[in-house]
Protein backbone atom coordinates (compact mmCIF):
# COMPACT_ATOMS: atom_id res chain seq x y z
CA MET A 1 184.33 44.08 146.96
CA LEU A 2 184.81 48.19 145.82
CA LYS A 3 183.18 47.37 142.61
CA SER A 4 179.68 46.02 144.42
CA GLN A 5 179.65 49.49 145.76
CA ARG A 6 179.48 51.23 142.89
CA HIS A 7 175.74 52.40 141.48
CA PRO A 8 174.83 51.37 138.24
CA ALA A 9 174.81 53.51 135.27
CA GLY A 10 171.01 53.66 135.13
CA LEU A 11 170.69 55.88 137.68
CA TYR A 12 172.85 58.18 136.46
CA ILE A 13 171.09 58.13 133.26
CA LEU A 14 167.79 58.81 135.75
CA PHE A 15 169.42 61.16 137.56
CA PHE A 16 169.64 63.58 134.46
CA THR A 17 166.70 63.25 132.98
CA GLU A 18 165.02 63.94 136.49
CA MET A 19 167.06 67.13 136.64
CA TRP A 20 166.40 68.47 133.35
CA GLU A 21 162.69 67.82 134.01
CA ARG A 22 162.23 69.66 137.15
CA PHE A 23 164.71 72.50 135.30
CA SER A 24 161.92 72.62 133.30
CA TYR A 25 158.89 72.49 135.47
CA TYR A 26 160.25 74.94 138.10
CA GLY A 27 161.61 77.26 135.43
CA MET A 28 158.29 77.26 134.24
CA ARG A 29 156.72 77.74 137.51
CA SER A 30 158.83 80.53 138.59
CA LEU A 31 157.15 82.63 136.12
CA LEU A 32 153.53 81.84 136.04
CA VAL A 33 152.49 83.66 138.16
CA TYR A 34 154.27 87.01 137.33
CA TYR A 35 153.23 86.46 133.95
CA MET A 36 149.92 86.15 134.30
CA ILE A 37 149.54 89.46 136.37
CA LYS A 38 152.11 91.55 134.73
CA HIS A 39 151.62 90.28 130.74
CA LEU A 40 148.07 88.70 130.80
CA GLN A 41 146.78 91.06 133.19
CA PHE A 42 145.09 88.91 135.26
CA SER A 43 143.83 89.79 138.34
CA GLN A 44 145.62 88.60 141.50
CA ILE A 45 142.79 86.65 143.15
CA ARG A 46 142.33 84.73 139.16
CA SER A 47 146.10 84.33 138.95
CA SER A 48 146.07 82.39 141.82
CA GLU A 49 143.34 80.22 141.38
CA ILE A 50 144.92 79.10 138.51
CA TYR A 51 148.22 78.77 140.19
CA GLY A 52 146.52 76.29 142.57
CA LEU A 53 144.78 74.59 139.62
CA TYR A 54 147.48 73.97 137.66
CA THR A 55 149.80 72.96 140.68
CA GLY A 56 147.41 70.82 142.02
CA PHE A 57 146.42 68.94 138.79
CA VAL A 58 150.19 67.88 138.09
CA TYR A 59 149.56 66.01 140.76
CA PHE A 60 146.37 64.64 140.00
CA THR A 61 147.03 63.23 136.79
CA PRO A 62 150.35 60.35 137.95
CA LEU A 63 148.04 58.27 139.69
CA PHE A 64 146.30 58.03 136.07
CA GLY A 65 149.68 58.49 134.57
CA GLY A 66 150.85 54.86 137.19
CA MET A 67 147.93 52.99 136.22
CA LEU A 68 148.29 53.52 132.64
CA ALA A 69 152.07 52.22 132.69
CA ASP A 70 151.18 49.54 135.02
CA ARG A 71 148.73 47.74 132.65
CA VAL A 72 149.34 49.23 128.71
CA LEU A 73 152.44 51.08 128.54
CA GLY A 74 155.00 50.73 130.91
CA GLN A 75 157.12 52.84 132.72
CA ARG A 76 159.42 53.17 129.69
CA ARG A 77 156.74 54.36 127.05
CA THR A 78 154.92 55.99 129.55
CA VAL A 79 158.18 58.38 130.67
CA ILE A 80 158.76 59.18 126.77
CA LEU A 81 155.22 60.49 126.53
CA GLY A 82 155.42 62.35 129.42
CA GLY A 83 158.69 64.12 128.37
CA MET A 84 156.86 65.08 124.77
CA LEU A 85 153.76 66.24 126.12
CA MET A 86 155.64 68.63 128.90
CA ALA A 87 158.13 70.10 126.12
CA ILE A 88 154.91 70.91 123.50
CA GLY A 89 153.47 72.27 126.71
CA HIS A 90 156.35 74.49 127.24
CA PHE A 91 156.56 75.63 123.89
CA LEU A 92 152.93 76.38 123.38
CA MET A 93 153.47 78.97 127.00
CA ALA A 94 155.30 81.42 124.18
CA VAL A 95 151.45 81.77 122.40
CA GLU A 96 149.64 83.87 124.84
CA SER A 97 146.44 82.80 122.78
CA LEU A 98 147.54 78.97 123.81
CA PHE A 99 147.79 79.25 127.42
CA TYR A 100 145.42 77.00 128.66
CA PRO A 101 146.20 74.41 125.84
CA ALA A 102 150.22 74.83 127.02
CA LEU A 103 149.18 74.39 130.61
CA PHE A 104 146.72 71.09 129.71
CA PHE A 105 150.18 69.70 128.09
CA LEU A 106 151.78 70.15 130.98
CA ILE A 107 149.50 68.48 133.21
CA LEU A 108 149.05 65.34 131.09
CA GLY A 109 153.05 65.11 130.63
CA ASN A 110 153.41 65.52 134.49
CA GLY A 111 151.43 62.98 134.85
CA ALA A 112 152.46 60.38 132.70
CA PHE A 113 156.07 61.44 133.45
CA LYS A 114 156.33 61.74 137.51
CA PRO A 115 155.10 58.31 138.74
CA ASN A 116 157.16 56.26 136.52
CA ILE A 117 160.48 57.68 136.70
CA SER A 118 161.65 57.85 139.96
CA THR A 119 160.27 53.93 140.25
CA GLN A 120 162.84 53.19 137.75
CA VAL A 121 165.85 54.02 140.23
CA GLY A 122 164.62 50.86 142.53
CA ALA A 123 164.30 48.53 139.50
CA LEU A 124 167.77 48.85 139.68
CA TYR A 125 168.63 47.23 142.56
CA PRO A 126 167.70 43.82 143.69
CA ALA A 127 165.41 43.12 146.96
CA GLY A 128 167.35 44.15 150.06
CA ASP A 129 170.26 45.89 148.46
CA HIS A 130 171.57 48.20 150.70
CA ARG A 131 172.76 50.74 147.73
CA ARG A 132 169.06 51.22 147.21
CA ASP A 133 168.73 53.67 149.62
CA ARG A 134 172.01 55.68 148.71
CA ALA A 135 170.94 55.77 144.95
CA PHE A 136 167.36 57.50 146.36
CA SER A 137 169.50 60.17 147.79
CA ILE A 138 171.86 60.83 144.79
CA PHE A 139 168.94 60.62 142.74
CA TYR A 140 166.85 63.41 145.01
CA MET A 141 169.97 65.22 144.27
CA GLY A 142 169.26 65.35 140.91
CA ILE A 143 165.72 67.09 141.35
CA ASN A 144 167.22 69.92 143.26
CA LEU A 145 170.19 70.68 140.76
CA GLY A 146 167.45 71.46 138.37
CA ALA A 147 165.25 73.16 140.53
CA PHE A 148 168.04 75.26 141.98
CA PHE A 149 169.11 76.55 138.28
CA SER A 150 165.94 76.81 136.54
CA PRO A 151 164.68 80.09 138.19
CA ILE A 152 167.94 81.27 138.12
CA VAL A 153 168.17 80.75 133.88
CA CYS A 154 164.23 80.82 133.42
CA GLY A 155 163.40 83.51 135.69
CA THR A 156 166.39 85.84 134.43
CA LEU A 157 165.40 85.26 131.27
CA GLY A 158 161.97 85.80 131.41
CA GLU A 159 162.33 88.90 133.64
CA LYS A 160 164.84 90.75 131.60
CA ILE A 161 164.26 89.69 128.25
CA GLY A 162 160.89 88.37 128.00
CA TYR A 163 158.49 85.41 129.50
CA HIS A 164 158.49 83.43 125.80
CA TRP A 165 162.39 83.50 126.27
CA GLY A 166 161.91 82.27 130.02
CA PHE A 167 159.14 79.63 128.63
CA ALA A 168 161.32 78.63 125.70
CA ALA A 169 164.22 77.77 128.04
CA ALA A 170 161.73 75.53 130.01
CA GLY A 171 161.20 73.42 127.15
CA VAL A 172 164.92 73.14 125.71
CA GLY A 173 165.63 72.05 129.29
CA MET A 174 162.76 69.27 128.93
CA VAL A 175 164.07 67.86 125.18
CA ILE A 176 167.38 67.48 126.97
CA GLY A 177 165.84 65.57 129.15
CA LEU A 178 163.93 63.27 127.16
CA LEU A 179 167.06 62.89 124.35
CA VAL A 180 169.26 61.97 127.79
CA TYR A 181 166.93 59.61 128.68
CA LEU A 182 166.37 57.93 125.37
CA TRP A 183 170.13 57.63 124.73
CA GLY A 184 170.42 55.85 128.06
CA GLN A 185 167.54 53.11 127.69
CA LYS A 186 170.00 49.70 127.54
CA TYR A 187 171.37 50.88 130.82
CA LEU A 188 167.79 50.80 132.49
CA ALA A 189 165.83 47.64 134.04
CA PRO A 190 162.75 46.14 132.41
CA ASP A 191 159.64 47.55 133.29
CA LEU A 192 156.63 45.53 134.38
CA ILE A 193 155.38 45.70 131.22
CA MET A 194 158.50 44.18 129.55
CA GLN A 195 158.94 41.68 132.77
CA LYS A 196 155.52 40.18 131.56
CA LYS A 197 155.94 40.02 128.12
CA GLY A 198 158.95 37.60 128.94
CA LEU A 199 157.19 35.18 130.93
CA LYS A 200 155.29 32.41 129.00
CA GLN A 201 152.62 32.36 132.12
CA GLU A 202 151.44 35.00 134.49
CA LYS A 203 151.02 34.18 138.46
CA THR A 204 147.79 35.02 139.97
CA THR A 205 147.49 36.96 142.39
CA GLU A 206 146.07 36.39 146.11
CA PRO A 207 143.83 38.30 147.55
CA MET A 208 144.38 41.35 150.07
CA THR A 209 144.82 40.61 153.19
CA ARG A 210 143.06 42.65 156.40
CA GLU A 211 146.75 43.97 157.26
CA ASP A 212 146.95 45.01 153.86
CA TRP A 213 143.94 47.04 154.17
CA VAL A 214 144.32 48.45 157.31
CA LYS A 215 148.21 49.56 156.04
CA ILE A 216 146.38 51.43 152.84
CA GLY A 217 143.74 53.18 155.51
CA ALA A 218 146.63 54.77 157.01
CA ILE A 219 148.33 55.71 153.78
CA PHE A 220 145.08 57.31 152.99
CA VAL A 221 144.95 59.40 156.54
CA MET A 222 148.58 60.31 156.39
CA MET A 223 147.84 61.96 152.74
CA SER A 224 144.72 63.52 153.96
CA LEU A 225 146.79 65.14 157.11
CA CYS A 226 149.29 66.41 154.55
CA ILE A 227 146.90 68.11 152.34
CA VAL A 228 147.02 70.64 154.64
CA PHE A 229 150.89 71.03 155.05
CA TRP A 230 151.15 71.78 151.13
CA SER A 231 148.39 73.72 150.77
CA VAL A 232 150.77 76.39 153.00
CA TYR A 233 153.75 75.16 151.93
CA GLU A 234 153.26 75.75 148.10
CA GLN A 235 152.45 79.55 149.34
CA GLN A 236 156.16 79.86 148.12
CA GLY A 237 155.09 79.74 144.17
CA ASN A 238 152.92 81.78 144.57
CA THR A 239 151.78 84.63 147.54
CA MET A 240 155.32 84.63 148.69
CA ALA A 241 156.42 85.20 145.24
CA LEU A 242 154.28 88.03 145.57
CA TRP A 243 155.85 89.28 148.89
CA ALA A 244 159.57 89.06 147.19
CA ASP A 245 158.59 90.86 144.50
CA ALA A 246 156.97 93.78 146.17
CA ASN A 247 157.64 93.72 149.44
CA THR A 248 161.24 92.42 149.76
CA ASP A 249 164.25 94.91 149.52
CA ARG A 250 166.57 92.60 146.92
CA MET A 251 169.09 95.00 146.71
CA VAL A 252 172.31 93.04 147.66
CA PHE A 253 175.75 94.98 147.27
CA GLY A 254 174.13 97.59 145.23
CA TRP A 255 172.63 94.94 142.57
CA GLU A 256 168.90 93.78 143.11
CA MET A 257 168.31 90.48 142.90
CA PRO A 258 166.01 89.28 140.50
CA ALA A 259 161.99 88.29 141.94
CA THR A 260 162.60 84.83 140.68
CA TRP A 261 165.93 83.92 141.98
CA TYR A 262 163.37 83.29 145.28
CA GLN A 263 162.45 80.04 143.81
CA SER A 264 166.16 78.85 144.42
CA PHE A 265 166.88 79.79 148.05
CA ASN A 266 164.52 76.56 148.88
CA PRO A 267 166.32 73.63 146.64
CA LEU A 268 169.95 75.38 147.43
CA MET A 269 168.80 74.98 151.27
CA ILE A 270 168.02 71.10 150.47
CA PHE A 271 171.34 70.90 149.16
CA ILE A 272 172.52 71.98 152.31
CA PHE A 273 170.64 70.70 154.80
CA VAL A 274 169.71 67.21 153.90
CA PRO A 275 173.47 65.68 154.75
CA VAL A 276 172.97 67.66 158.07
CA LEU A 277 170.08 65.90 158.75
CA ASN A 278 171.09 62.73 157.67
CA ILE A 279 174.16 63.15 160.27
CA PHE A 280 171.30 64.12 162.75
CA TRP A 281 168.72 61.57 162.60
CA GLY A 282 172.18 58.92 162.40
CA TRP A 283 172.91 60.52 165.47
CA GLN A 284 169.91 60.12 167.23
CA ASP A 285 169.26 56.80 166.02
CA ARG A 286 172.52 55.30 167.76
CA ARG A 287 171.07 56.98 170.84
CA GLY A 288 167.52 55.16 169.99
CA LYS A 289 165.58 58.66 170.01
CA GLU A 290 165.72 59.11 166.87
CA PRO A 291 161.44 59.83 165.82
CA SER A 292 159.05 57.57 164.16
CA SER A 293 158.09 58.01 160.62
CA ILE A 294 154.89 59.96 161.91
CA ALA A 295 156.46 61.70 164.32
CA LYS A 296 158.82 63.38 161.70
CA MET A 297 156.12 64.54 159.75
CA GLY A 298 154.62 65.94 162.77
CA ILE A 299 157.36 67.86 163.20
CA GLY A 300 157.56 68.90 159.55
CA CYS A 301 153.86 70.65 160.09
CA MET A 302 155.25 72.56 163.06
CA LEU A 303 158.54 73.87 161.48
CA LEU A 304 156.53 74.86 158.35
CA ALA A 305 154.20 76.89 161.13
CA ALA A 306 157.24 78.18 162.75
CA GLY A 307 158.47 80.02 159.25
CA PHE A 308 155.15 81.78 159.03
CA LEU A 309 155.91 83.17 162.32
CA VAL A 310 158.96 84.81 161.09
CA LEU A 311 157.32 86.95 158.63
CA ILE A 312 154.19 88.17 160.72
CA MET A 313 156.63 90.86 162.08
CA PRO A 314 157.68 92.60 159.16
CA ALA A 315 154.10 92.04 158.09
CA ARG A 316 153.36 94.37 160.67
CA ASP A 317 155.58 97.07 159.77
CA LEU A 318 154.89 97.20 156.03
CA ALA A 319 153.04 101.00 156.47
CA VAL A 320 156.25 102.09 157.85
CA THR A 321 158.97 99.96 155.91
CA PRO A 322 157.13 98.85 151.96
CA ARG A 323 160.00 96.33 151.83
CA SER A 324 161.23 94.69 154.50
CA SER A 325 165.17 93.13 154.80
CA LEU A 326 165.41 89.67 152.43
CA TRP A 327 166.69 87.82 155.50
CA TRP A 328 163.06 87.28 156.64
CA LEU A 329 162.13 85.78 153.87
CA THR A 330 165.85 83.79 154.01
CA SER A 331 164.86 82.83 157.40
CA CYS A 332 160.65 81.75 156.48
CA THR A 333 162.27 79.68 153.96
CA PHE A 334 164.85 77.75 155.71
CA MET A 335 162.13 76.63 158.22
CA LEU A 336 159.81 75.71 155.37
CA THR A 337 162.79 73.67 154.03
CA ILE A 338 163.54 71.71 157.24
CA GLY A 339 160.09 71.58 157.43
CA GLU A 340 159.73 69.62 154.07
CA ILE A 341 162.64 67.50 154.55
CA TYR A 342 161.15 66.03 157.67
CA LEU A 343 158.06 65.40 156.16
CA SER A 344 157.82 64.70 151.80
CA PRO A 345 161.09 62.30 151.81
CA ILE A 346 159.58 60.81 154.68
CA GLY A 347 156.07 60.11 153.66
CA LEU A 348 157.21 58.70 150.29
CA SER A 349 160.08 56.56 152.06
CA LEU A 350 156.96 55.18 154.35
CA VAL A 351 154.53 54.53 151.12
CA THR A 352 156.94 52.38 149.67
CA LYS A 353 158.28 50.55 153.00
CA ILE A 354 154.19 49.81 153.50
CA ALA A 355 151.99 50.07 150.43
CA PRO A 356 151.16 46.48 149.23
CA ALA A 357 153.88 45.15 146.54
CA ARG A 358 151.35 44.85 144.02
CA VAL A 359 149.65 48.22 144.03
CA VAL A 360 152.74 50.26 145.35
CA SER A 361 152.66 51.83 142.14
CA MET A 362 149.31 53.30 142.41
CA MET A 363 149.46 54.13 146.03
CA MET A 364 152.32 56.38 145.44
CA GLY A 365 149.87 58.10 142.84
CA VAL A 366 147.10 58.16 145.70
CA TRP A 367 149.71 59.71 147.77
CA PHE A 368 150.63 62.46 145.43
CA LEU A 369 146.75 63.24 145.75
CA SER A 370 147.75 65.18 148.79
CA SER A 371 149.46 67.30 147.03
CA PHE A 372 147.01 67.45 143.97
CA PHE A 373 144.41 68.87 147.16
CA GLY A 374 147.27 70.35 148.84
CA ASN A 375 147.72 72.56 145.74
CA TYR A 376 144.44 73.81 144.54
CA LEU A 377 143.67 74.40 148.38
CA SER A 378 147.53 76.66 148.32
CA GLY A 379 145.22 78.69 145.24
CA TYR A 380 142.31 78.77 147.37
CA LEU A 381 143.74 80.27 150.34
CA GLY A 382 146.36 82.71 147.95
CA THR A 383 142.77 84.75 146.87
CA PHE A 384 142.95 86.06 150.78
CA TRP A 385 146.15 87.80 150.39
CA GLU A 386 144.40 90.73 148.81
CA LYS A 387 141.30 90.37 151.20
CA MET A 388 142.97 90.57 154.73
CA PRO A 389 146.31 92.47 156.31
CA LYS A 390 149.09 90.62 155.37
CA GLU A 391 149.72 89.72 159.05
CA ASN A 392 146.54 88.21 159.60
CA PHE A 393 147.17 85.99 156.27
CA PHE A 394 151.06 84.89 157.52
CA VAL A 395 149.00 84.00 160.78
CA LEU A 396 146.53 81.97 159.09
CA MET A 397 149.31 79.75 157.51
CA PHE A 398 150.55 78.98 160.70
CA ALA A 399 147.46 77.83 162.51
CA LEU A 400 146.70 75.66 159.76
CA SER A 401 150.14 73.98 159.61
CA PHE A 402 150.59 73.84 163.13
CA ALA A 403 146.67 72.01 163.35
CA ALA A 404 147.95 69.15 161.23
CA GLY A 405 151.41 69.01 163.25
CA LEU A 406 148.80 68.78 166.20
CA ALA A 407 146.68 66.04 164.75
CA PHE A 408 150.21 63.84 163.27
CA PHE A 409 150.86 63.78 167.30
CA GLY A 410 147.05 63.15 168.47
CA LEU A 411 147.55 60.01 165.87
CA LEU A 412 150.98 59.21 166.62
CA LYS A 413 149.71 55.93 168.52
CA PRO A 414 147.05 54.23 166.43
CA MET A 415 149.17 55.05 163.37
CA LYS A 416 151.97 53.22 164.44
CA LYS A 417 150.07 50.28 165.38
CA ALA A 418 148.28 50.36 162.01
CA ILE A 419 151.67 50.21 159.87
CA GLY A 420 154.04 48.39 162.34
CA LYS A 421 157.23 47.95 162.05
CA THR A 422 159.57 49.36 158.53
CA ASN A 423 162.78 47.81 158.20
CA SER A 424 164.13 50.75 156.42
CA ASP A 425 166.08 53.55 157.59
CA ASP A 426 163.83 57.10 156.68
CA ALA A 427 167.52 58.91 157.43
CA ASP A 428 168.55 57.60 154.47
CA VAL A 429 165.45 57.54 152.04
CA ILE A 430 165.30 61.05 150.50
CA LYS A 431 163.42 61.85 147.27
CA LYS A 432 161.48 65.02 146.61
CA LYS A 433 157.15 65.59 145.14
């Protein structure tokens, strides 16, 4: 009985693979804006535009990476290809003249890797296995473990020794993750291409029903609203990173915290508050008061808006206090994190529940398009950082996310009707974008 509750070894192979990949991604991202402004001497507007394009396209290419895996290479070989491309990209970042080719390799590699690593978690479990949701929670913690340590390691190396050392550390992390994945192949479930090769005859595919198309339409509507959420949320790596560097007093007991360490605040808080929210949602569920998936996403937008309200007060006092207390930034990040937990994992979970099985991988790629457009818009919004007073900028971020929250609540009834009932508890499925 006890043995049946254990998770397969493949889950931990995927856990450590994703942990190291996220270590490399967030380690590089924690340095990117500072590297462009302080080392490459780019203007703030240009660096913000490049940041938006880069972080946007890493969520655009997964659509094609999913199609490549489903139709040609299979998930395993596509993940290996993605890991190799990303490792190359990180090491190329050490050469100033190869800055743009490095970003290109990273974008392509992430597109091949991202949509195919998490889907392999689900493949480890048969349909209806109650361990599946808890498996995604474990996998999610691996993601944030890498995201927490990477700014501390890569960011410190980049700020204190040299940017090239920070980027090289990110590359080493990706290589370690790739080696873990290659070593653990025997513990993973066969992917779709491998299964098809084992069959003598493929089954014919039935046409999509009207209900299928309605649910796909609902996914597109949710994706569109999430664009606004991500455009505001992703200011963490852009304008909020600049606020942490130039306008935040980072002295802690006589020691100045590196600005890049701010990028670790969010994943640390996720470690702390995901279990708390799971317990809270379970408590609500037992009383029949747990919000629906769509309502949770609306709440997430509202919490994001509240986070930027926190920074308006210190922004008004910049003339008197050029560097505000670290507690203001910490409080804002707390609100952003709770908002993320309410929206991001719930949205990902909902897609896997309602998307037709034959196109679920492609629809997951479609879902990531919200992050693509959101990150691109984030870069555009960041260009206003130097064009308007800081307090007005934070008001703008508040207004955008608050409006998205209102839209979610306004569409609550028609969206619930479109997606119907789902048979899995959102509180147990926690997976990062």
